[in-house]
């Protein structure tokens, strides 16, 4: 069986949309609390902004916005894994790894 290359653009848009929905459902309530002195507020803000930019970058022809957004999301995911690692293998750890993997894919491919 050969891989279906025709589904790749659809799969990339599903991943962009999933990243945006993940950020919104996971971090919007923390962001809405607007606690400037809390690290979780800044973590939520960075996730929301750069997942949104990763989605918006799909509409542009330039790779720049995709690459920068994906790079920041990889860094944020690494930070999340490091902060969650002492708690053992948890659902949050797997989500950070998954979002980091998706962001790394966009960082390696750009807007193809």
N, C-alpha and C. Protein backbone atom coordinates (compact mmCIF):
# COMPACT_ATOMS: atom_id res chain seq x y z
N UNK A 1 0.85 -1.17 0.00
CA UNK A 1 0.00 0.00 0.00
C UNK A 1 0.90 1.23 0.00
N UNK A 2 0.58 2.21 -0.83
CA UNK A 2 1.34 3.44 -0.92
C UNK A 2 0.70 4.52 -0.06
N UNK A 3 1.52 5.42 0.48
CA UNK A 3 0.94 6.53 1.26
C UNK A 3 0.18 7.49 0.34
N UNK A 4 -0.86 8.08 0.87
CA UNK A 4 -1.68 9.01 0.10
C UNK A 4 -1.14 10.43 0.28
N UNK A 5 -0.48 10.93 -0.73
CA UNK A 5 0.08 12.29 -0.69
C UNK A 5 -1.01 13.34 -0.79
N UNK A 6 -2.17 12.96 -1.32
CA UNK A 6 -3.26 13.93 -1.48
C UNK A 6 -3.86 14.35 -0.15
N UNK A 7 -3.72 13.54 0.87
CA UNK A 7 -4.29 13.87 2.18
C UNK A 7 -3.37 14.75 3.03
N UNK A 8 -2.14 14.94 2.59
CA UNK A 8 -1.18 15.69 3.40
C UNK A 8 -1.64 17.13 3.70
N UNK A 9 -2.12 17.90 2.72
CA UNK A 9 -2.58 19.26 3.06
C UNK A 9 -3.74 19.27 4.06
N UNK A 10 -4.63 18.32 3.93
CA UNK A 10 -5.76 18.23 4.87
C UNK A 10 -5.24 17.89 6.26
N UNK A 11 -4.32 16.94 6.34
CA UNK A 11 -3.77 16.55 7.64
C UNK A 11 -3.03 17.71 8.31
N UNK A 12 -2.31 18.50 7.53
CA UNK A 12 -1.60 19.65 8.10
C UNK A 12 -2.59 20.69 8.64
N UNK A 13 -3.70 20.91 7.92
CA UNK A 13 -4.70 21.85 8.43
C UNK A 13 -5.43 21.31 9.65
N UNK A 14 -5.62 20.00 9.70
CA UNK A 14 -6.23 19.41 10.90
C UNK A 14 -5.29 19.60 12.09
N UNK A 15 -3.99 19.43 11.88
CA UNK A 15 -3.04 19.64 12.97
C UNK A 15 -2.99 21.10 13.40
N UNK A 16 -3.04 22.03 12.45
CA UNK A 16 -3.07 23.46 12.81
C UNK A 16 -4.32 23.78 13.64
N UNK A 17 -5.45 23.27 13.19
CA UNK A 17 -6.70 23.51 13.91
C UNK A 17 -6.68 22.85 15.28
N UNK A 18 -6.14 21.65 15.36
CA UNK A 18 -6.06 20.95 16.65
C UNK A 18 -5.16 21.70 17.63
N UNK A 19 -4.05 22.27 17.15
CA UNK A 19 -3.17 23.05 18.03
C UNK A 19 -3.91 24.27 18.56
N UNK A 20 -4.67 24.94 17.68
CA UNK A 20 -5.43 26.11 18.10
C UNK A 20 -6.50 25.74 19.11
N UNK A 21 -7.23 24.67 18.87
CA UNK A 21 -8.26 24.23 19.81
C UNK A 21 -7.66 23.76 21.13
N UNK A 22 -6.52 23.09 21.06
CA UNK A 22 -5.83 22.67 22.29
C UNK A 22 -5.47 23.87 23.14
N UNK A 23 -4.87 24.87 22.51
CA UNK A 23 -4.46 26.07 23.26
C UNK A 23 -5.68 26.77 23.85
N UNK A 24 -6.73 26.90 23.07
CA UNK A 24 -7.92 27.59 23.55
C UNK A 24 -8.58 26.85 24.71
N UNK A 25 -8.77 25.54 24.57
CA UNK A 25 -9.46 24.80 25.62
C UNK A 25 -8.60 24.61 26.87
N UNK A 26 -7.29 24.56 26.70
CA UNK A 26 -6.42 24.32 27.84
C UNK A 26 -6.01 25.59 28.58
N UNK A 27 -5.88 26.70 27.86
CA UNK A 27 -5.24 27.87 28.46
C UNK A 27 -6.10 29.12 28.51
N UNK A 28 -7.25 29.14 27.86
CA UNK A 28 -8.03 30.37 27.85
C UNK A 28 -8.55 30.74 29.23
N UNK A 29 -8.94 29.76 30.01
CA UNK A 29 -9.46 30.08 31.36
C UNK A 29 -8.36 30.65 32.25
N UNK A 30 -7.13 30.16 32.10
CA UNK A 30 -6.01 30.71 32.87
C UNK A 30 -5.71 32.12 32.39
N UNK A 31 -5.72 32.32 31.08
CA UNK A 31 -5.46 33.65 30.52
C UNK A 31 -6.53 34.64 30.94
N UNK A 32 -7.77 34.20 30.99
CA UNK A 32 -8.89 35.06 31.35
C UNK A 32 -8.78 35.57 32.78
N UNK A 33 -8.10 34.77 33.65
CA UNK A 33 -7.91 35.19 35.03
C UNK A 33 -7.00 36.41 35.16
N UNK A 34 -6.13 36.64 34.20
CA UNK A 34 -5.26 37.80 34.09
C UNK A 34 -4.46 38.07 35.36
N UNK A 35 -3.74 37.05 35.81
CA UNK A 35 -2.85 37.16 36.97
C UNK A 35 -1.43 37.40 36.46
N UNK A 36 -1.03 38.64 36.32
CA UNK A 36 0.27 38.97 35.72
C UNK A 36 1.46 38.43 36.50
N UNK A 37 1.30 38.20 37.78
CA UNK A 37 2.42 37.72 38.59
C UNK A 37 2.51 36.19 38.65
N UNK A 38 1.66 35.51 37.90
CA UNK A 38 1.64 34.05 37.89
C UNK A 38 2.30 33.52 36.61
N UNK A 39 3.19 32.55 36.77
CA UNK A 39 3.88 31.96 35.62
C UNK A 39 2.90 31.26 34.69
N UNK A 40 1.87 30.67 35.22
CA UNK A 40 0.90 29.97 34.37
C UNK A 40 0.17 30.93 33.43
N UNK A 41 -0.02 32.19 33.85
CA UNK A 41 -0.62 33.19 32.95
C UNK A 41 0.26 33.41 31.74
N UNK A 42 1.55 33.59 31.95
CA UNK A 42 2.47 33.85 30.85
C UNK A 42 2.63 32.63 29.96
N UNK A 43 2.63 31.45 30.56
CA UNK A 43 2.67 30.20 29.80
C UNK A 43 1.43 30.10 28.91
N UNK A 44 0.27 30.42 29.47
CA UNK A 44 -0.99 30.38 28.72
C UNK A 44 -0.98 31.42 27.60
N UNK A 45 -0.49 32.61 27.89
CA UNK A 45 -0.43 33.68 26.89
C UNK A 45 0.44 33.28 25.70
N UNK A 46 1.62 32.75 25.98
CA UNK A 46 2.53 32.34 24.91
C UNK A 46 1.90 31.21 24.08
N UNK A 47 1.28 30.24 24.73
CA UNK A 47 0.62 29.15 24.01
C UNK A 47 -0.50 29.67 23.13
N UNK A 48 -1.34 30.53 23.66
CA UNK A 48 -2.46 31.06 22.88
C UNK A 48 -1.98 31.89 21.69
N UNK A 49 -1.03 32.75 21.91
CA UNK A 49 -0.56 33.63 20.84
C UNK A 49 0.12 32.83 19.73
N UNK A 50 1.04 31.95 20.11
CA UNK A 50 1.81 31.28 19.07
C UNK A 50 1.05 30.12 18.41
N UNK A 51 0.11 29.51 19.09
CA UNK A 51 -0.76 28.54 18.40
C UNK A 51 -1.67 29.28 17.42
N UNK A 52 -2.14 30.45 17.81
CA UNK A 52 -2.93 31.27 16.90
C UNK A 52 -2.12 31.72 15.70
N UNK A 53 -0.88 32.13 15.93
CA UNK A 53 -0.02 32.54 14.82
C UNK A 53 0.32 31.36 13.90
N UNK A 54 0.48 30.18 14.48
CA UNK A 54 0.74 28.99 13.67
C UNK A 54 -0.44 28.71 12.74
N UNK A 55 -1.65 28.92 13.23
CA UNK A 55 -2.84 28.74 12.41
C UNK A 55 -2.91 29.80 11.31
N UNK A 56 -2.71 31.06 11.69
CA UNK A 56 -2.77 32.16 10.74
C UNK A 56 -1.68 32.04 9.68
N UNK A 57 -0.52 31.53 10.07
CA UNK A 57 0.60 31.39 9.14
C UNK A 57 0.28 30.45 7.99
N UNK A 58 -0.67 29.56 8.17
CA UNK A 58 -1.06 28.65 7.10
C UNK A 58 -1.70 29.37 5.92
N UNK A 59 -2.18 30.59 6.13
CA UNK A 59 -2.80 31.36 5.06
C UNK A 59 -1.80 32.20 4.28
N UNK A 60 -0.56 32.25 4.74
CA UNK A 60 0.45 33.06 4.07
C UNK A 60 1.32 32.18 3.18
N UNK A 61 1.99 32.82 2.24
CA UNK A 61 2.89 32.09 1.35
C UNK A 61 4.30 32.01 1.92
N UNK A 62 4.62 32.88 2.84
CA UNK A 62 5.96 32.90 3.44
C UNK A 62 6.06 31.86 4.55
N UNK A 63 7.24 31.31 4.71
CA UNK A 63 7.48 30.31 5.75
C UNK A 63 7.85 30.95 7.09
N UNK A 64 8.18 32.23 7.09
CA UNK A 64 8.74 32.88 8.27
C UNK A 64 7.84 32.76 9.51
N UNK A 65 6.59 33.13 9.37
CA UNK A 65 5.68 33.10 10.51
C UNK A 65 5.47 31.69 11.03
N UNK A 66 5.36 30.74 10.13
CA UNK A 66 5.22 29.34 10.53
C UNK A 66 6.44 28.88 11.30
N UNK A 67 7.62 29.17 10.77
CA UNK A 67 8.85 28.71 11.41
C UNK A 67 9.05 29.32 12.79
N UNK A 68 8.84 30.63 12.91
CA UNK A 68 9.02 31.28 14.21
C UNK A 68 7.98 30.80 15.23
N UNK A 69 6.73 30.68 14.79
CA UNK A 69 5.68 30.21 15.70
C UNK A 69 5.96 28.78 16.14
N UNK A 70 6.36 27.94 15.21
CA UNK A 70 6.65 26.54 15.54
C UNK A 70 7.86 26.44 16.46
N UNK A 71 8.89 27.25 16.22
CA UNK A 71 10.07 27.22 17.08
C UNK A 71 9.71 27.61 18.51
N UNK A 72 8.92 28.66 18.67
CA UNK A 72 8.50 29.08 20.01
C UNK A 72 7.66 27.99 20.66
N UNK A 73 6.79 27.34 19.90
CA UNK A 73 5.96 26.27 20.46
C UNK A 73 6.81 25.06 20.86
N UNK A 74 7.87 24.76 20.11
CA UNK A 74 8.78 23.68 20.51
C UNK A 74 9.45 24.03 21.83
N UNK A 75 9.91 25.26 21.95
CA UNK A 75 10.57 25.70 23.19
C UNK A 75 9.60 25.66 24.36
N UNK A 76 8.38 26.12 24.14
CA UNK A 76 7.35 26.10 25.20
C UNK A 76 7.03 24.66 25.59
N UNK A 77 6.97 23.77 24.63
CA UNK A 77 6.68 22.36 24.92
C UNK A 77 7.81 21.73 25.72
N UNK A 78 9.04 22.06 25.37
CA UNK A 78 10.19 21.55 26.14
C UNK A 78 10.12 22.07 27.57
N UNK A 79 9.79 23.34 27.74
CA UNK A 79 9.61 23.92 29.07
C UNK A 79 8.52 23.18 29.84
N UNK A 80 7.40 22.90 29.17
CA UNK A 80 6.31 22.17 29.82
C UNK A 80 6.71 20.77 30.22
N UNK A 81 7.48 20.08 29.36
CA UNK A 81 7.94 18.73 29.69
C UNK A 81 8.87 18.78 30.89
N UNK A 82 9.78 19.74 30.91
CA UNK A 82 10.72 19.86 32.03
C UNK A 82 9.98 20.15 33.33
N UNK A 83 8.98 21.00 33.28
CA UNK A 83 8.23 21.34 34.49
C UNK A 83 7.33 20.18 34.94
N UNK A 84 6.85 19.38 34.02
CA UNK A 84 5.94 18.29 34.35
C UNK A 84 6.67 16.99 34.67
N UNK A 85 7.91 16.85 34.23
CA UNK A 85 8.65 15.60 34.37
C UNK A 85 8.76 15.09 35.81
N UNK A 86 8.96 15.96 36.82
CA UNK A 86 9.04 15.44 38.20
C UNK A 86 7.75 14.76 38.68
N UNK A 87 6.62 15.05 38.05
CA UNK A 87 5.36 14.42 38.44
C UNK A 87 5.19 13.03 37.85
N UNK A 88 6.13 12.59 37.03
CA UNK A 88 6.02 11.27 36.40
C UNK A 88 5.31 11.36 35.06
N UNK A 89 4.93 10.23 34.55
CA UNK A 89 4.24 10.18 33.26
C UNK A 89 2.77 10.51 33.50
N UNK A 90 2.38 11.69 33.04
CA UNK A 90 1.01 12.16 33.23
C UNK A 90 0.39 12.52 31.88
N UNK A 91 -0.89 12.83 31.89
CA UNK A 91 -1.56 13.25 30.67
C UNK A 91 -0.99 14.57 30.17
N UNK A 92 -0.64 15.47 31.10
CA UNK A 92 -0.06 16.75 30.69
C UNK A 92 1.29 16.55 30.01
N UNK A 93 2.09 15.62 30.52
CA UNK A 93 3.39 15.34 29.91
C UNK A 93 3.20 14.84 28.48
N UNK A 94 2.24 13.97 28.28
CA UNK A 94 2.01 13.46 26.93
C UNK A 94 1.49 14.56 26.00
N UNK A 95 0.67 15.47 26.51
CA UNK A 95 0.19 16.58 25.69
C UNK A 95 1.33 17.52 25.31
N UNK A 96 2.24 17.79 26.23
CA UNK A 96 3.40 18.63 25.91
C UNK A 96 4.27 17.96 24.85
N UNK A 97 4.46 16.65 24.96
CA UNK A 97 5.24 15.93 23.96
C UNK A 97 4.53 15.94 22.60
N UNK A 98 3.23 15.76 22.61
CA UNK A 98 2.46 15.75 21.37
C UNK A 98 2.49 17.12 20.69
N UNK A 99 2.24 18.17 21.44
CA UNK A 99 2.27 19.51 20.85
C UNK A 99 3.68 19.88 20.40
N UNK A 100 4.67 19.44 21.14
CA UNK A 100 6.06 19.67 20.72
C UNK A 100 6.37 18.95 19.42
N UNK A 101 5.86 17.74 19.27
CA UNK A 101 6.07 16.99 18.05
C UNK A 101 5.39 17.62 16.84
N UNK A 102 4.17 18.09 17.03
CA UNK A 102 3.46 18.77 15.95
C UNK A 102 4.17 20.07 15.58
N UNK A 103 4.60 20.82 16.59
CA UNK A 103 5.33 22.06 16.33
C UNK A 103 6.65 21.77 15.62
N UNK A 104 7.34 20.71 16.01
CA UNK A 104 8.59 20.34 15.34
C UNK A 104 8.33 19.96 13.88
N UNK A 105 7.20 19.32 13.61
CA UNK A 105 6.85 18.99 12.23
C UNK A 105 6.67 20.27 11.41
N UNK A 106 5.94 21.24 11.94
CA UNK A 106 5.76 22.50 11.23
C UNK A 106 7.08 23.26 11.11
N UNK A 107 7.95 23.15 12.11
CA UNK A 107 9.24 23.81 12.04
C UNK A 107 10.11 23.18 10.94
N UNK A 108 9.98 21.89 10.75
CA UNK A 108 10.79 21.22 9.73
C UNK A 108 10.21 21.36 8.32
N UNK A 109 8.90 21.54 8.20
CA UNK A 109 8.26 21.58 6.88
C UNK A 109 7.86 22.97 6.42
N UNK A 110 7.62 23.88 7.33
CA UNK A 110 7.15 25.20 6.93
C UNK A 110 5.72 25.14 6.43
N UNK A 111 5.44 25.86 5.36
CA UNK A 111 4.08 25.92 4.81
C UNK A 111 3.89 25.02 3.59
N UNK A 112 4.54 23.90 3.55
CA UNK A 112 4.38 22.99 2.40
C UNK A 112 2.98 22.46 2.33
